[in-house]
Amino acid sequence: MEADFNLTEYAMGEHSRQKGDENLYVKFFVAPLQSKEKTLAEGRPIYEDKEFISIMVPGDKHNIVTREARVGDNRRFPKQYQNFKNNNEELVDGTPLEKWPLVSPAQVEEMKFFNVRTVEQLASISDSAAQKFMGINQLKNRAKEYLEAAKDAAPVTQLQGELAKRDEEIDAMKNSMEEMRKELAGMKKAKK
């Protein structure tokens, strides 16, 4: 069955991303894996570095898949894979819980223990995983409300940014005109 999945995933190419993947906590890493063939040939344990992937469902510490990376994993999780290849720290898309004022530092640490690192991940915690946390449903609902409000406010925020940029340009033009006025006044005095 697994071979069929790999072939299907390979055939789908770029369409292999699944709904909900953006909320998963995914980490690529290198780990030694014993080569059975080389171990038998050499008569001693021989290991090779292999790429592995760990896929975790935020909020569910027991729902973690760790396995050797497959052909389609780099297409399914392109940002995480590129980050791994660049030897960077893990990147998580979204609003970090540390930057969200509605959670305490203790709650942030507790959420990290369960691989929840962003407001978006908190909002998408499954109901079964949420049962493991005291008071999580209230936080989950707040996270959903926050994301909806931010989505609704996005056009206003964008407009405010554009207006601030326009105001900066106007101020720069005013300053430039004032400098030119002073220069012109100085030139008139010099002619007299």
N, C-alpha and C. Protein backbone atom coordinates (compact mmCIF):
# COMPACT_ATOMS: atom_id res chain seq x y z
N MET A 1 0.82 -1.20 0.00
CA MET A 1 0.00 0.00 0.00
C MET A 1 0.86 1.25 0.00
N GLU A 2 1.97 1.24 0.72
CA GLU A 2 2.84 2.42 0.80
C GLU A 2 3.46 2.74 -0.55
N ALA A 3 3.82 1.72 -1.32
CA ALA A 3 4.40 1.95 -2.64
C ALA A 3 3.39 2.64 -3.54
N ASP A 4 2.11 2.25 -3.45
CA ASP A 4 1.08 2.90 -4.24
C ASP A 4 0.96 4.37 -3.88
N PHE A 5 1.02 4.67 -2.59
CA PHE A 5 0.93 6.06 -2.14
C PHE A 5 2.10 6.86 -2.70
N ASN A 6 3.30 6.31 -2.64
CA ASN A 6 4.47 7.02 -3.16
C ASN A 6 4.34 7.28 -4.65
N LEU A 7 3.86 6.32 -5.41
CA LEU A 7 3.70 6.51 -6.85
C LEU A 7 2.64 7.58 -7.14
N THR A 8 1.54 7.51 -6.41
CA THR A 8 0.48 8.51 -6.59
C THR A 8 1.01 9.89 -6.24
N GLU A 9 1.71 9.99 -5.13
CA GLU A 9 2.26 11.27 -4.70
C GLU A 9 3.25 11.80 -5.74
N TYR A 10 4.09 10.93 -6.27
CA TYR A 10 5.06 11.33 -7.28
C TYR A 10 4.36 11.79 -8.56
N ALA A 11 3.31 11.06 -8.97
CA ALA A 11 2.58 11.40 -10.19
C ALA A 11 1.86 12.73 -10.06
N MET A 12 1.42 13.07 -8.85
CA MET A 12 0.70 14.31 -8.65
C MET A 12 1.63 15.51 -8.68
N GLY A 13 2.90 15.30 -8.46
CA GLY A 13 3.87 16.39 -8.52
C GLY A 13 3.54 17.51 -7.56
N GLU A 14 3.40 18.73 -8.08
CA GLU A 14 3.16 19.90 -7.26
C GLU A 14 1.80 19.87 -6.57
N HIS A 15 0.89 19.03 -7.03
CA HIS A 15 -0.43 18.97 -6.45
C HIS A 15 -0.49 18.05 -5.24
N SER A 16 0.66 17.66 -4.71
CA SER A 16 0.68 16.70 -3.63
C SER A 16 0.45 17.34 -2.25
N ARG A 17 0.39 18.67 -2.19
CA ARG A 17 0.11 19.31 -0.91
C ARG A 17 -1.32 18.96 -0.49
N GLN A 18 -1.49 18.72 0.78
CA GLN A 18 -2.79 18.32 1.29
C GLN A 18 -3.41 19.44 2.11
N LYS A 19 -4.72 19.45 2.15
CA LYS A 19 -5.41 20.46 2.94
C LYS A 19 -5.03 20.27 4.41
N GLY A 20 -4.65 21.36 5.04
CA GLY A 20 -4.27 21.31 6.45
C GLY A 20 -2.77 21.21 6.66
N ASP A 21 -1.99 20.98 5.61
CA ASP A 21 -0.54 20.88 5.74
C ASP A 21 0.08 22.14 6.32
N GLU A 22 -0.54 23.30 6.01
CA GLU A 22 0.03 24.56 6.47
C GLU A 22 -0.01 24.68 7.99
N ASN A 23 -0.84 23.87 8.65
CA ASN A 23 -0.95 23.93 10.11
C ASN A 23 -0.09 22.89 10.81
N LEU A 24 0.57 22.03 10.06
CA LEU A 24 1.41 21.01 10.67
C LEU A 24 2.77 21.60 11.06
N TYR A 25 3.37 21.01 12.06
CA TYR A 25 4.73 21.38 12.45
C TYR A 25 5.63 20.33 11.80
N VAL A 26 6.43 20.76 10.83
CA VAL A 26 7.24 19.83 10.04
C VAL A 26 8.71 20.18 10.19
N LYS A 27 9.51 19.16 10.38
CA LYS A 27 10.95 19.37 10.55
C LYS A 27 11.70 18.28 9.79
N PHE A 28 12.63 18.71 8.93
CA PHE A 28 13.54 17.78 8.26
C PHE A 28 14.83 17.75 9.06
N PHE A 29 15.48 16.61 9.08
CA PHE A 29 16.76 16.49 9.77
C PHE A 29 17.53 15.31 9.21
N VAL A 30 18.81 15.25 9.55
CA VAL A 30 19.66 14.15 9.12
C VAL A 30 19.95 13.28 10.35
N ALA A 31 19.85 11.98 10.16
CA ALA A 31 20.13 11.04 11.24
C ALA A 31 20.81 9.80 10.65
N PRO A 32 21.64 9.14 11.46
CA PRO A 32 22.29 7.92 10.95
C PRO A 32 21.29 6.76 10.89
N LEU A 33 21.41 6.00 9.82
CA LEU A 33 20.55 4.83 9.63
C LEU A 33 21.47 3.66 9.28
N GLN A 34 21.30 2.57 9.97
CA GLN A 34 22.16 1.41 9.74
C GLN A 34 21.85 0.79 8.38
N SER A 35 22.89 0.58 7.59
CA SER A 35 22.76 -0.07 6.29
C SER A 35 22.89 -1.57 6.50
N LYS A 36 21.81 -2.28 6.25
CA LYS A 36 21.82 -3.73 6.48
C LYS A 36 22.82 -4.43 5.55
N GLU A 37 22.83 -4.01 4.28
CA GLU A 37 23.72 -4.65 3.31
C GLU A 37 25.20 -4.43 3.68
N LYS A 38 25.55 -3.19 3.96
CA LYS A 38 26.95 -2.88 4.29
C LYS A 38 27.36 -3.49 5.62
N THR A 39 26.42 -3.54 6.56
CA THR A 39 26.71 -4.15 7.86
C THR A 39 27.02 -5.64 7.68
N LEU A 40 26.21 -6.31 6.87
CA LEU A 40 26.45 -7.73 6.60
C LEU A 40 27.78 -7.93 5.87
N ALA A 41 28.06 -7.07 4.90
CA ALA A 41 29.29 -7.22 4.12
C ALA A 41 30.53 -6.97 4.96
N GLU A 42 30.48 -5.99 5.86
CA GLU A 42 31.65 -5.62 6.66
C GLU A 42 31.76 -6.40 7.97
N GLY A 43 30.64 -6.97 8.41
CA GLY A 43 30.66 -7.71 9.67
C GLY A 43 30.67 -6.79 10.88
N ARG A 44 30.36 -5.54 10.70
CA ARG A 44 30.27 -4.58 11.80
C ARG A 44 29.19 -3.57 11.42
N PRO A 45 28.66 -2.86 12.40
CA PRO A 45 27.60 -1.90 12.08
C PRO A 45 28.12 -0.75 11.20
N ILE A 46 27.47 -0.54 10.08
CA ILE A 46 27.80 0.56 9.17
C ILE A 46 26.55 1.44 9.05
N TYR A 47 26.76 2.72 9.28
CA TYR A 47 25.65 3.67 9.23
C TYR A 47 25.85 4.68 8.10
N GLU A 48 24.75 5.15 7.58
CA GLU A 48 24.76 6.19 6.56
C GLU A 48 23.84 7.32 7.01
N ASP A 49 24.25 8.56 6.72
CA ASP A 49 23.37 9.69 7.03
C ASP A 49 22.23 9.72 6.03
N LYS A 50 21.03 9.81 6.54
CA LYS A 50 19.82 9.85 5.71
C LYS A 50 18.97 11.03 6.15
N GLU A 51 18.20 11.55 5.20
CA GLU A 51 17.26 12.63 5.52
C GLU A 51 16.00 12.02 6.12
N PHE A 52 15.55 12.62 7.21
CA PHE A 52 14.33 12.18 7.88
C PHE A 52 13.37 13.35 7.95
N ILE A 53 12.13 13.05 8.20
CA ILE A 53 11.10 14.07 8.38
C ILE A 53 10.31 13.72 9.63
N SER A 54 9.95 14.76 10.35
CA SER A 54 9.09 14.60 11.50
C SER A 54 7.87 15.49 11.26
N ILE A 55 6.69 14.90 11.26
CA ILE A 55 5.45 15.62 11.01
C ILE A 55 4.61 15.52 12.28
N MET A 56 4.30 16.68 12.84
CA MET A 56 3.58 16.72 14.11
C MET A 56 2.30 17.51 13.96
N VAL A 57 1.25 17.01 14.56
CA VAL A 57 -0.02 17.72 14.59
C VAL A 57 0.01 18.62 15.81
N PRO A 58 -0.12 19.94 15.62
CA PRO A 58 -0.08 20.84 16.77
C PRO A 58 -1.15 20.47 17.79
N GLY A 59 -0.73 20.43 19.04
CA GLY A 59 -1.65 20.13 20.13
C GLY A 59 -1.74 18.66 20.48
N ASP A 60 -1.20 17.80 19.65
CA ASP A 60 -1.30 16.37 19.90
C ASP A 60 0.11 15.79 19.96
N LYS A 61 0.65 15.75 21.16
CA LYS A 61 2.03 15.31 21.36
C LYS A 61 2.25 13.85 20.94
N HIS A 62 1.17 13.09 20.87
CA HIS A 62 1.30 11.67 20.54
C HIS A 62 1.04 11.38 19.07
N ASN A 63 0.68 12.38 18.31
CA ASN A 63 0.42 12.20 16.88
C ASN A 63 1.60 12.76 16.10
N ILE A 64 2.71 12.05 16.16
CA ILE A 64 3.94 12.47 15.50
C ILE A 64 4.42 11.34 14.60
N VAL A 65 4.69 11.67 13.35
CA VAL A 65 5.22 10.69 12.42
C VAL A 65 6.67 11.08 12.14
N THR A 66 7.59 10.19 12.44
CA THR A 66 9.00 10.40 12.15
C THR A 66 9.45 9.22 11.31
N ARG A 67 9.97 9.55 10.12
CA ARG A 67 10.39 8.49 9.19
C ARG A 67 11.44 9.05 8.25
N GLU A 68 12.01 8.14 7.47
CA GLU A 68 12.94 8.56 6.43
C GLU A 68 12.16 9.38 5.40
N ALA A 69 12.75 10.48 4.96
CA ALA A 69 12.07 11.35 3.99
C ALA A 69 11.87 10.62 2.67
N ARG A 70 10.73 10.87 2.05
CA ARG A 70 10.39 10.25 0.77
C ARG A 70 10.53 11.27 -0.35
N VAL A 71 10.42 10.80 -1.57
CA VAL A 71 10.59 11.64 -2.75
C VAL A 71 9.67 12.86 -2.73
N GLY A 72 8.42 12.71 -2.41
CA GLY A 72 7.47 13.81 -2.50
C GLY A 72 7.44 14.74 -1.30
N ASP A 73 8.16 14.41 -0.23
CA ASP A 73 8.11 15.24 0.97
C ASP A 73 8.64 16.66 0.72
N ASN A 74 9.66 16.77 -0.10
CA ASN A 74 10.22 18.10 -0.36
C ASN A 74 9.25 18.97 -1.17
N ARG A 75 8.36 18.36 -1.95
CA ARG A 75 7.35 19.12 -2.69
C ARG A 75 6.15 19.43 -1.80
N ARG A 76 5.84 18.51 -0.91
CA ARG A 76 4.70 18.71 -0.02
C ARG A 76 4.99 19.81 1.00
N PHE A 77 6.24 19.89 1.46
CA PHE A 77 6.65 20.88 2.45
C PHE A 77 7.86 21.65 1.92
N PRO A 78 7.70 22.43 0.85
CA PRO A 78 8.85 23.07 0.21
C PRO A 78 9.58 24.09 1.08
N LYS A 79 8.86 24.88 1.87
CA LYS A 79 9.52 25.89 2.72
C LYS A 79 10.38 25.23 3.78
N GLN A 80 9.83 24.23 4.44
CA GLN A 80 10.57 23.55 5.49
C GLN A 80 11.79 22.83 4.93
N TYR A 81 11.63 22.24 3.73
CA TYR A 81 12.74 21.51 3.13
C TYR A 81 13.85 22.48 2.71
N GLN A 82 13.46 23.59 2.11
CA GLN A 82 14.46 24.59 1.69
C GLN A 82 15.18 25.14 2.91
N ASN A 83 14.45 25.38 3.97
CA ASN A 83 15.04 25.87 5.21
C ASN A 83 16.04 24.85 5.76
N PHE A 84 15.68 23.59 5.71
CA PHE A 84 16.56 22.52 6.16
C PHE A 84 17.83 22.49 5.31
N LYS A 85 17.67 22.61 4.00
CA LYS A 85 18.83 22.57 3.10
C LYS A 85 19.75 23.77 3.32
N ASN A 86 19.18 24.89 3.73
CA ASN A 86 19.97 26.09 3.99
C ASN A 86 20.55 26.11 5.40
N ASN A 87 20.35 25.04 6.15
CA ASN A 87 20.85 24.92 7.52
C ASN A 87 20.37 26.04 8.42
N ASN A 88 19.15 26.45 8.23
CA ASN A 88 18.58 27.52 9.05
C ASN A 88 17.81 26.94 10.22
N GLU A 89 17.50 27.83 11.14
CA GLU A 89 16.61 27.46 12.23
C GLU A 89 15.24 27.15 11.62
N GLU A 90 14.44 26.46 12.37
CA GLU A 90 13.11 26.14 11.88
C GLU A 90 12.31 27.41 11.65
N LEU A 91 11.53 27.44 10.60
CA LEU A 91 10.66 28.56 10.31
C LEU A 91 9.22 28.10 10.45
N VAL A 92 8.45 28.93 11.07
CA VAL A 92 7.04 28.60 11.21
C VAL A 92 6.27 29.80 10.66
N ASP A 93 5.39 29.55 9.70
CA ASP A 93 4.58 30.62 9.13
C ASP A 93 3.44 30.94 10.06
N GLY A 94 3.20 32.22 10.25
CA GLY A 94 2.09 32.65 11.06
C GLY A 94 2.53 33.61 12.14
N THR A 95 1.62 33.89 13.03
CA THR A 95 1.88 34.79 14.15
C THR A 95 2.40 33.98 15.32
N PRO A 96 3.66 34.18 15.71
CA PRO A 96 4.20 33.42 16.85
C PRO A 96 3.39 33.68 18.12
N LEU A 97 3.17 32.65 18.88
CA LEU A 97 2.42 32.80 20.13
C LEU A 97 3.09 33.81 21.06
N GLU A 98 4.42 33.91 21.01
CA GLU A 98 5.14 34.85 21.87
C GLU A 98 4.74 36.30 21.58
N LYS A 99 4.29 36.56 20.35
CA LYS A 99 3.94 37.91 19.93
C LYS A 99 2.45 38.20 20.10
N TRP A 100 1.69 37.23 20.57
CA TRP A 100 0.25 37.39 20.73
C TRP A 100 -0.04 37.71 22.20
N PRO A 101 -0.59 38.87 22.48
CA PRO A 101 -0.74 39.29 23.88
C PRO A 101 -1.79 38.53 24.69
N LEU A 102 -2.57 37.67 24.07
CA LEU A 102 -3.62 36.97 24.81
C LEU A 102 -3.17 35.68 25.48
N VAL A 103 -1.88 35.35 25.36
CA VAL A 103 -1.38 34.16 26.05
C VAL A 103 -0.22 34.57 26.96
N SER A 104 -0.12 33.88 28.05
CA SER A 104 0.95 34.15 29.00
C SER A 104 2.22 33.40 28.58
N PRO A 105 3.38 33.82 29.09
CA PRO A 105 4.61 33.08 28.77
C PRO A 105 4.52 31.60 29.16
N ALA A 106 3.84 31.30 30.25
CA ALA A 106 3.69 29.89 30.66
C ALA A 106 2.85 29.12 29.64
N GLN A 107 1.81 29.75 29.13
CA GLN A 107 0.98 29.09 28.12
C GLN A 107 1.76 28.88 26.82
N VAL A 108 2.61 29.84 26.48
CA VAL A 108 3.44 29.70 25.27
C VAL A 108 4.33 28.48 25.41
N GLU A 109 4.97 28.33 26.56
CA GLU A 109 5.85 27.18 26.77
C GLU A 109 5.08 25.87 26.77
N GLU A 110 3.90 25.88 27.37
CA GLU A 110 3.08 24.66 27.37
C GLU A 110 2.69 24.29 25.94
N MET A 111 2.31 25.28 25.15
CA MET A 111 1.93 25.03 23.76
C MET A 111 3.12 24.51 22.95
N LYS A 112 4.30 25.06 23.19
CA LYS A 112 5.50 24.57 22.48
C LYS A 112 5.74 23.10 22.77
N PHE A 113 5.48 22.69 23.99
CA PHE A 113 5.66 21.28 24.36
C PHE A 113 4.78 20.39 23.48
N PHE A 114 3.63 20.92 23.09
CA PHE A 114 2.71 20.18 22.24
C PHE A 114 2.81 20.60 20.78
N ASN A 115 3.93 21.24 20.40
CA ASN A 115 4.23 21.63 19.02
C ASN A 115 3.25 22.65 18.44
N VAL A 116 2.71 23.49 19.28
CA VAL A 116 1.86 24.59 18.83
C VAL A 116 2.70 25.86 18.99
N ARG A 117 3.05 26.48 17.86
CA ARG A 117 3.94 27.63 17.91
C ARG A 117 3.34 28.92 17.36
N THR A 118 2.20 28.81 16.68
CA THR A 118 1.59 30.01 16.10
C THR A 118 0.11 30.10 16.47
N VAL A 119 -0.43 31.31 16.33
CA VAL A 119 -1.86 31.52 16.56
C VAL A 119 -2.66 30.68 15.57
N GLU A 120 -2.17 30.58 14.35
CA GLU A 120 -2.87 29.80 13.33
C GLU A 120 -2.94 28.32 13.72
N GLN A 121 -1.86 27.79 14.26
CA GLN A 121 -1.86 26.40 14.70
C GLN A 121 -2.80 26.21 15.89
N LEU A 122 -2.81 27.17 16.79
CA LEU A 122 -3.70 27.11 17.95
C LEU A 122 -5.15 27.08 17.50
N ALA A 123 -5.50 27.92 16.53
CA ALA A 123 -6.87 27.99 16.04
C ALA A 123 -7.29 26.69 15.35
N SER A 124 -6.33 25.95 14.83
CA SER A 124 -6.66 24.74 14.07
C SER A 124 -6.51 23.44 14.87
N ILE A 125 -6.27 23.54 16.17
CA ILE A 125 -6.14 22.34 16.99
C ILE A 125 -7.45 21.54 16.92
N SER A 126 -7.31 20.26 16.70
CA SER A 126 -8.50 19.41 16.63
C SER A 126 -9.17 19.34 18.00
N ASP A 127 -10.46 19.05 18.00
CA ASP A 127 -11.20 18.96 19.26
C ASP A 127 -10.67 17.85 20.14
N SER A 128 -10.25 16.75 19.53
CA SER A 128 -9.73 15.64 20.34
C SER A 128 -8.41 16.01 21.00
N ALA A 129 -7.57 16.77 20.31
CA ALA A 129 -6.31 17.23 20.92
C ALA A 129 -6.59 18.30 21.97
N ALA A 130 -7.60 19.12 21.75
CA ALA A 130 -7.92 20.20 22.68
C ALA A 130 -8.38 19.67 24.04
N GLN A 131 -8.90 18.46 24.07
CA GLN A 131 -9.36 17.89 25.33
C GLN A 131 -8.22 17.68 26.32
N LYS A 132 -6.98 17.67 25.84
CA LYS A 132 -5.83 17.42 26.70
C LYS A 132 -5.39 18.67 27.47
N PHE A 133 -5.91 19.82 27.09
CA PHE A 133 -5.51 21.09 27.69
C PHE A 133 -6.65 21.66 28.53
N MET A 134 -6.30 22.19 29.67
CA MET A 134 -7.29 22.87 30.50
C MET A 134 -7.50 24.27 29.94
N GLY A 135 -8.71 24.63 29.62
CA GLY A 135 -9.03 25.97 29.14
C GLY A 135 -8.61 26.26 27.70
N ILE A 136 -8.24 25.24 26.95
CA ILE A 136 -7.75 25.47 25.58
C ILE A 136 -8.86 25.93 24.64
N ASN A 137 -10.07 25.47 24.87
CA ASN A 137 -11.15 25.84 23.95
C ASN A 137 -11.38 27.34 23.92
N GLN A 138 -11.25 27.99 25.07
CA GLN A 138 -11.39 29.44 25.12
C GLN A 138 -10.26 30.11 24.33
N LEU A 139 -9.04 29.64 24.51
CA LEU A 139 -7.90 30.18 23.75
C LEU A 139 -8.06 29.91 22.25
N LYS A 140 -8.50 28.71 21.94
CA LYS A 140 -8.71 28.34 20.54
C LYS A 140 -9.74 29.28 19.89
N ASN A 141 -10.83 29.54 20.59
CA ASN A 141 -11.85 30.45 20.06
C ASN A 141 -11.31 31.87 19.92
N ARG A 142 -10.52 32.32 20.90
CA ARG A 142 -9.90 33.65 20.80
C ARG A 142 -8.97 33.73 19.60
N ALA A 143 -8.24 32.65 19.36
CA ALA A 143 -7.32 32.62 18.22
C ALA A 143 -8.10 32.72 16.91
N LYS A 144 -9.20 32.00 16.82
CA LYS A 144 -10.05 32.06 15.62
C LYS A 144 -10.60 33.47 15.43
N GLU A 145 -11.08 34.07 16.51
CA GLU A 145 -11.62 35.43 16.45
C GLU A 145 -10.53 36.42 16.04
N TYR A 146 -9.36 36.26 16.60
CA TYR A 146 -8.23 37.14 16.27
C TYR A 146 -7.89 37.05 14.78
N LEU A 147 -7.83 35.84 14.26
CA LEU A 147 -7.49 35.64 12.84
C LEU A 147 -8.58 36.21 11.94
N GLU A 148 -9.84 36.03 12.31
CA GLU A 148 -10.94 36.60 11.52
C GLU A 148 -10.88 38.12 11.53
N ALA A 149 -10.66 38.69 12.72
CA ALA A 149 -10.58 40.14 12.83
C ALA A 149 -9.41 40.68 12.02
N ALA A 150 -8.28 39.99 12.08
CA ALA A 150 -7.11 40.43 11.32
C ALA A 150 -7.38 40.35 9.82
N LYS A 151 -8.07 39.30 9.42
CA LYS A 151 -8.41 39.14 8.00
C LYS A 151 -9.33 40.26 7.54
N ASP A 152 -10.32 40.60 8.38
CA ASP A 152 -11.25 41.67 8.05
C ASP A 152 -10.55 43.04 8.07
N ALA A 153 -9.56 43.19 8.94
CA ALA A 153 -8.86 44.48 9.07
C ALA A 153 -7.73 44.64 8.07
N ALA A 154 -7.40 43.61 7.35
CA ALA A 154 -6.26 43.67 6.43
C ALA A 154 -6.37 44.81 5.42
N PRO A 155 -7.52 45.02 4.77
CA PRO A 155 -7.60 46.14 3.82
C PRO A 155 -7.38 47.49 4.50
N VAL A 156 -7.90 47.65 5.71
CA VAL A 156 -7.72 48.91 6.44
C VAL A 156 -6.25 49.11 6.80
N THR A 157 -5.61 48.05 7.26
CA THR A 157 -4.20 48.12 7.61
C THR A 157 -3.36 48.45 6.39
N GLN A 158 -3.69 47.85 5.27
CA GLN A 158 -2.97 48.13 4.03
C GLN A 158 -3.15 49.60 3.62
N LEU A 159 -4.37 50.10 3.73
CA LEU A 159 -4.65 51.49 3.40
C LEU A 159 -3.89 52.43 4.33
N GLN A 160 -3.85 52.10 5.62
CA GLN A 160 -3.11 52.92 6.58
C GLN A 160 -1.63 52.97 6.22
N GLY A 161 -1.08 51.86 5.79
CA GLY A 161 0.32 51.83 5.37
C GLY A 161 0.56 52.70 4.15
N GLU A 162 -0.37 52.62 3.20
CA GLU A 162 -0.24 53.45 2.00
C GLU A 162 -0.36 54.93 2.33
N LEU A 163 -1.27 55.28 3.24
CA LEU A 163 -1.43 56.67 3.65
C LEU A 163 -0.19 57.18 4.39
N ALA A 164 0.39 56.35 5.24
CA ALA A 164 1.60 56.74 5.95
C ALA A 164 2.75 56.97 4.97
N LYS A 165 2.85 56.13 3.96
CA LYS A 165 3.88 56.29 2.94
C LYS A 165 3.66 57.60 2.17
N ARG A 166 2.41 57.87 1.83
CA ARG A 166 2.09 59.11 1.11
C ARG A 166 2.45 60.32 1.96
N ASP A 167 2.13 60.27 3.27
CA ASP A 167 2.45 61.38 4.17
C ASP A 167 3.95 61.61 4.26
N GLU A 168 4.72 60.54 4.29
CA GLU A 168 6.19 60.67 4.31
C GLU A 168 6.69 61.34 3.04
N GLU A 169 6.12 60.95 1.90
CA GLU A 169 6.52 61.56 0.62
C GLU A 169 6.16 63.04 0.59
N ILE A 170 4.99 63.39 1.10
CA ILE A 170 4.57 64.81 1.14
C ILE A 170 5.51 65.61 2.04
N ASP A 171 5.86 65.04 3.21
CA ASP A 171 6.78 65.73 4.11
C ASP A 171 8.15 65.93 3.45
N ALA A 172 8.60 64.92 2.73
CA ALA A 172 9.89 65.03 2.03
C ALA A 172 9.83 66.12 0.98
N MET A 173 8.72 66.20 0.25
CA MET A 173 8.57 67.25 -0.76
C MET A 173 8.52 68.63 -0.11
N LYS A 174 7.82 68.76 1.01
CA LYS A 174 7.75 70.04 1.73
C LYS A 174 9.15 70.47 2.17
N ASN A 175 9.91 69.53 2.71
CA ASN A 175 11.27 69.85 3.14
C ASN A 175 12.14 70.27 1.96
N SER A 176 11.99 69.58 0.86
CA SER A 176 12.75 69.92 -0.34
C SER A 176 12.37 71.30 -0.85
N MET A 177 11.08 71.60 -0.87
CA MET A 177 10.62 72.92 -1.32
C MET A 177 11.12 74.02 -0.39
N GLU A 178 11.13 73.75 0.91
CA GLU A 178 11.63 74.74 1.88
C GLU A 178 13.11 75.02 1.66
N GLU A 179 13.88 73.95 1.41
CA GLU A 179 15.31 74.12 1.13
C GLU A 179 15.52 74.93 -0.15
N MET A 180 14.72 74.65 -1.19
CA MET A 180 14.85 75.40 -2.44
C MET A 180 14.45 76.87 -2.22
N ARG A 181 13.42 77.12 -1.41
CA ARG A 181 13.00 78.49 -1.12
C ARG A 181 14.12 79.26 -0.43
N LYS A 182 14.79 78.57 0.54
CA LYS A 182 15.89 79.22 1.25
C LYS A 182 17.06 79.50 0.29
N GLU A 183 17.35 78.56 -0.57
CA GLU A 183 18.43 78.76 -1.54
C GLU A 183 18.11 79.93 -2.49
N LEU A 184 16.87 79.98 -2.95
CA LEU A 184 16.44 81.06 -3.85
C LEU A 184 16.52 82.42 -3.15
N ALA A 185 16.10 82.46 -1.88
CA ALA A 185 16.19 83.70 -1.12
C ALA A 185 17.66 84.12 -0.93
N GLY A 186 18.52 83.14 -0.70
CA GLY A 186 19.95 83.43 -0.56
C GLY A 186 20.55 83.95 -1.86
N MET A 187 20.11 83.40 -2.96
CA MET A 187 20.60 83.85 -4.29
C MET A 187 20.14 85.28 -4.60
N LYS A 188 18.91 85.61 -4.20
CA LYS A 188 18.38 86.95 -4.42
C LYS A 188 19.17 87.98 -3.60
N LYS A 189 19.52 87.62 -2.36
CA LYS A 189 20.30 88.51 -1.50
C LYS A 189 21.70 88.71 -2.07
N ALA A 190 22.26 87.64 -2.64
CA ALA A 190 23.62 87.71 -3.18
C ALA A 190 23.65 88.61 -4.41
N LYS A 191 22.59 88.69 -5.22
CA LYS A 191 22.53 89.53 -6.41
C LYS A 191 22.45 91.00 -6.03
N LYS A 192 21.88 91.32 -4.94
CA LYS A 192 21.70 92.71 -4.56
C LYS A 192 22.95 93.30 -4.08
